[in-house]
């Protein structure tokens, strides 16, 4: 049984919109200060990991490969 969904969007003016926007912006600023360049923290190395370095082939001197 397939249902068709209709999505309707509309903007709603709110009296506290400016405060909410400021809060969201301040939250983003704090987040970017806590993580370098806004990136998630790096994962720690796990001794039991099955991933090994050096799986990529060495670079070729041929520019087309």
N, C-alpha and C. Protein backbone atom coordinates (compact mmCIF):
# COMPACT_ATOMS: atom_id res chain seq x y z
N UNK A 1 0.84 -1.17 0.00
CA UNK A 1 0.00 0.00 0.00
C UNK A 1 0.89 1.24 0.00
N UNK A 2 0.93 1.96 -1.11
CA UNK A 2 1.74 3.17 -1.22
C UNK A 2 0.94 4.39 -0.79
N UNK A 3 1.57 5.21 0.02
CA UNK A 3 0.93 6.46 0.44
C UNK A 3 1.65 7.61 -0.22
N UNK A 4 0.92 8.60 -0.64
CA UNK A 4 1.51 9.82 -1.14
C UNK A 4 1.50 10.84 -0.02
N UNK A 5 2.67 11.42 0.22
CA UNK A 5 2.79 12.41 1.27
C UNK A 5 2.94 13.78 0.62
N UNK A 6 2.29 14.74 1.20
CA UNK A 6 2.43 16.12 0.76
C UNK A 6 3.09 16.91 1.88
N UNK A 7 4.17 17.59 1.52
CA UNK A 7 4.89 18.37 2.52
C UNK A 7 4.65 19.84 2.22
N UNK A 8 4.22 20.55 3.23
CA UNK A 8 4.00 21.99 3.10
C UNK A 8 4.88 22.71 4.10
N UNK A 9 5.56 23.74 3.61
CA UNK A 9 6.41 24.52 4.49
C UNK A 9 5.97 25.97 4.44
N UNK A 10 6.09 26.61 5.57
CA UNK A 10 5.81 28.04 5.62
C UNK A 10 6.60 28.65 6.76
N UNK A 11 6.93 29.92 6.61
CA UNK A 11 7.65 30.60 7.68
C UNK A 11 6.66 31.14 8.69
N UNK A 12 7.11 31.18 9.91
CA UNK A 12 6.27 31.68 10.99
C UNK A 12 7.08 32.73 11.75
N UNK A 13 6.55 33.93 11.81
CA UNK A 13 7.23 34.98 12.57
C UNK A 13 7.07 34.70 14.06
N UNK A 14 8.17 34.85 14.79
CA UNK A 14 8.13 34.63 16.24
C UNK A 14 8.71 35.85 16.93
N UNK A 15 8.12 36.19 18.05
CA UNK A 15 8.59 37.37 18.77
C UNK A 15 10.00 37.18 19.35
N UNK A 16 10.40 35.92 19.60
CA UNK A 16 11.72 35.65 20.15
C UNK A 16 12.69 35.14 19.08
N UNK A 17 12.40 35.39 17.83
CA UNK A 17 13.23 34.90 16.73
C UNK A 17 14.66 35.38 16.80
N UNK A 18 14.87 36.67 17.09
CA UNK A 18 16.22 37.22 17.16
C UNK A 18 17.01 36.55 18.29
N UNK A 19 16.38 36.35 19.44
CA UNK A 19 17.06 35.71 20.57
C UNK A 19 17.42 34.27 20.22
N UNK A 20 16.52 33.56 19.55
CA UNK A 20 16.77 32.17 19.18
C UNK A 20 17.92 32.08 18.17
N UNK A 21 17.94 33.01 17.20
CA UNK A 21 19.02 33.04 16.23
C UNK A 21 20.37 33.31 16.93
N UNK A 22 20.37 34.28 17.85
CA UNK A 22 21.59 34.60 18.59
C UNK A 22 22.09 33.40 19.40
N UNK A 23 21.18 32.67 20.01
CA UNK A 23 21.55 31.48 20.79
C UNK A 23 22.19 30.43 19.89
N UNK A 24 21.57 30.18 18.74
CA UNK A 24 22.11 29.19 17.82
C UNK A 24 23.50 29.60 17.33
N UNK A 25 23.66 30.88 17.03
CA UNK A 25 24.95 31.38 16.55
C UNK A 25 26.02 31.25 17.62
N UNK A 26 25.68 31.61 18.86
CA UNK A 26 26.63 31.49 19.96
C UNK A 26 27.02 30.03 20.19
N UNK A 27 26.06 29.13 20.05
CA UNK A 27 26.34 27.70 20.20
C UNK A 27 27.33 27.25 19.14
N UNK A 28 27.15 27.67 17.89
CA UNK A 28 28.08 27.31 16.83
C UNK A 28 29.47 27.88 17.09
N UNK A 29 29.54 29.10 17.59
CA UNK A 29 30.85 29.69 17.90
C UNK A 29 31.57 28.89 18.98
N UNK A 30 30.84 28.49 20.03
CA UNK A 30 31.45 27.68 21.09
C UNK A 30 31.94 26.36 20.54
N UNK A 31 31.14 25.74 19.68
CA UNK A 31 31.50 24.44 19.11
C UNK A 31 32.77 24.54 18.28
N UNK A 32 32.91 25.61 17.50
CA UNK A 32 34.10 25.75 16.67
C UNK A 32 35.34 26.03 17.50
N UNK A 33 35.19 26.65 18.67
CA UNK A 33 36.34 26.88 19.54
C UNK A 33 36.77 25.60 20.24
N UNK A 34 35.83 24.71 20.50
CA UNK A 34 36.14 23.47 21.21
C UNK A 34 36.80 22.44 20.30
N UNK A 35 36.55 22.50 19.01
CA UNK A 35 37.13 21.54 18.08
C UNK A 35 37.99 22.30 17.08
N UNK A 36 39.19 21.79 16.78
CA UNK A 36 40.06 22.50 15.84
C UNK A 36 39.42 22.61 14.46
N UNK A 37 39.34 23.82 13.96
CA UNK A 37 38.80 24.12 12.63
C UNK A 37 37.38 23.58 12.45
N UNK A 38 36.66 23.39 13.55
CA UNK A 38 35.28 22.93 13.44
C UNK A 38 35.15 21.46 13.10
N UNK A 39 36.24 20.71 13.15
CA UNK A 39 36.20 19.30 12.82
C UNK A 39 35.95 18.47 14.06
N UNK A 40 35.34 17.32 13.91
CA UNK A 40 35.14 16.46 15.08
C UNK A 40 36.48 15.99 15.62
N UNK A 41 36.54 15.67 16.91
CA UNK A 41 37.80 15.20 17.49
C UNK A 41 38.31 13.95 16.78
N UNK A 42 39.61 13.81 16.71
CA UNK A 42 40.21 12.64 16.06
C UNK A 42 39.99 11.40 16.92
N UNK A 43 39.82 10.28 16.25
CA UNK A 43 39.65 9.04 16.98
C UNK A 43 40.99 8.59 17.53
N UNK A 44 40.94 7.94 18.65
CA UNK A 44 42.16 7.41 19.24
C UNK A 44 42.54 6.12 18.51
N UNK A 45 43.84 5.86 18.46
CA UNK A 45 44.31 4.63 17.83
C UNK A 45 43.98 3.46 18.73
N UNK A 46 43.59 2.38 18.11
CA UNK A 46 43.21 1.18 18.84
C UNK A 46 44.17 0.06 18.45
N UNK A 47 44.84 -0.51 19.42
CA UNK A 47 45.82 -1.56 19.15
C UNK A 47 45.18 -2.78 18.49
N UNK A 48 43.89 -2.98 18.70
CA UNK A 48 43.24 -4.16 18.12
C UNK A 48 42.62 -3.86 16.76
N UNK A 49 42.93 -2.70 16.19
CA UNK A 49 42.37 -2.32 14.91
C UNK A 49 42.88 -3.23 13.80
N UNK A 50 42.01 -3.55 12.84
CA UNK A 50 42.42 -4.38 11.71
C UNK A 50 42.92 -3.51 10.56
N UNK A 51 42.81 -2.20 10.66
CA UNK A 51 43.32 -1.32 9.63
C UNK A 51 44.82 -1.20 9.75
N UNK A 52 45.49 -1.20 8.61
CA UNK A 52 46.94 -1.11 8.62
C UNK A 52 47.38 0.01 7.70
N UNK A 53 48.45 0.71 8.06
CA UNK A 53 48.96 1.77 7.19
C UNK A 53 49.59 1.18 5.94
N UNK A 54 49.65 1.97 4.89
CA UNK A 54 50.36 1.56 3.69
C UNK A 54 49.54 0.71 2.73
N UNK A 55 48.23 0.81 2.77
CA UNK A 55 47.42 0.03 1.84
C UNK A 55 47.38 0.66 0.45
N UNK A 56 47.67 1.94 0.35
CA UNK A 56 47.66 2.61 -0.94
C UNK A 56 48.94 2.27 -1.70
N UNK A 57 48.81 2.19 -3.03
CA UNK A 57 49.99 1.93 -3.85
C UNK A 57 50.87 3.18 -3.86
N UNK A 58 52.17 3.00 -4.02
CA UNK A 58 53.05 4.16 -4.08
C UNK A 58 52.73 5.01 -5.31
N UNK A 59 53.05 6.29 -5.24
CA UNK A 59 52.78 7.21 -6.34
C UNK A 59 53.57 6.80 -7.57
N UNK A 60 52.96 6.97 -8.72
CA UNK A 60 53.60 6.64 -9.99
C UNK A 60 54.24 7.91 -10.57
N UNK A 61 55.34 7.72 -11.32
CA UNK A 61 55.95 8.87 -11.98
C UNK A 61 55.17 9.25 -13.24
N UNK A 62 54.29 8.38 -13.71
CA UNK A 62 53.45 8.65 -14.87
C UNK A 62 52.27 9.51 -14.43
N UNK A 63 52.11 10.74 -14.97
CA UNK A 63 51.04 11.63 -14.52
C UNK A 63 49.63 11.13 -14.84
N UNK A 64 49.50 10.15 -15.75
CA UNK A 64 48.17 9.64 -16.11
C UNK A 64 47.74 8.46 -15.26
N UNK A 65 48.56 8.06 -14.33
CA UNK A 65 48.19 6.91 -13.48
C UNK A 65 48.31 7.22 -12.03
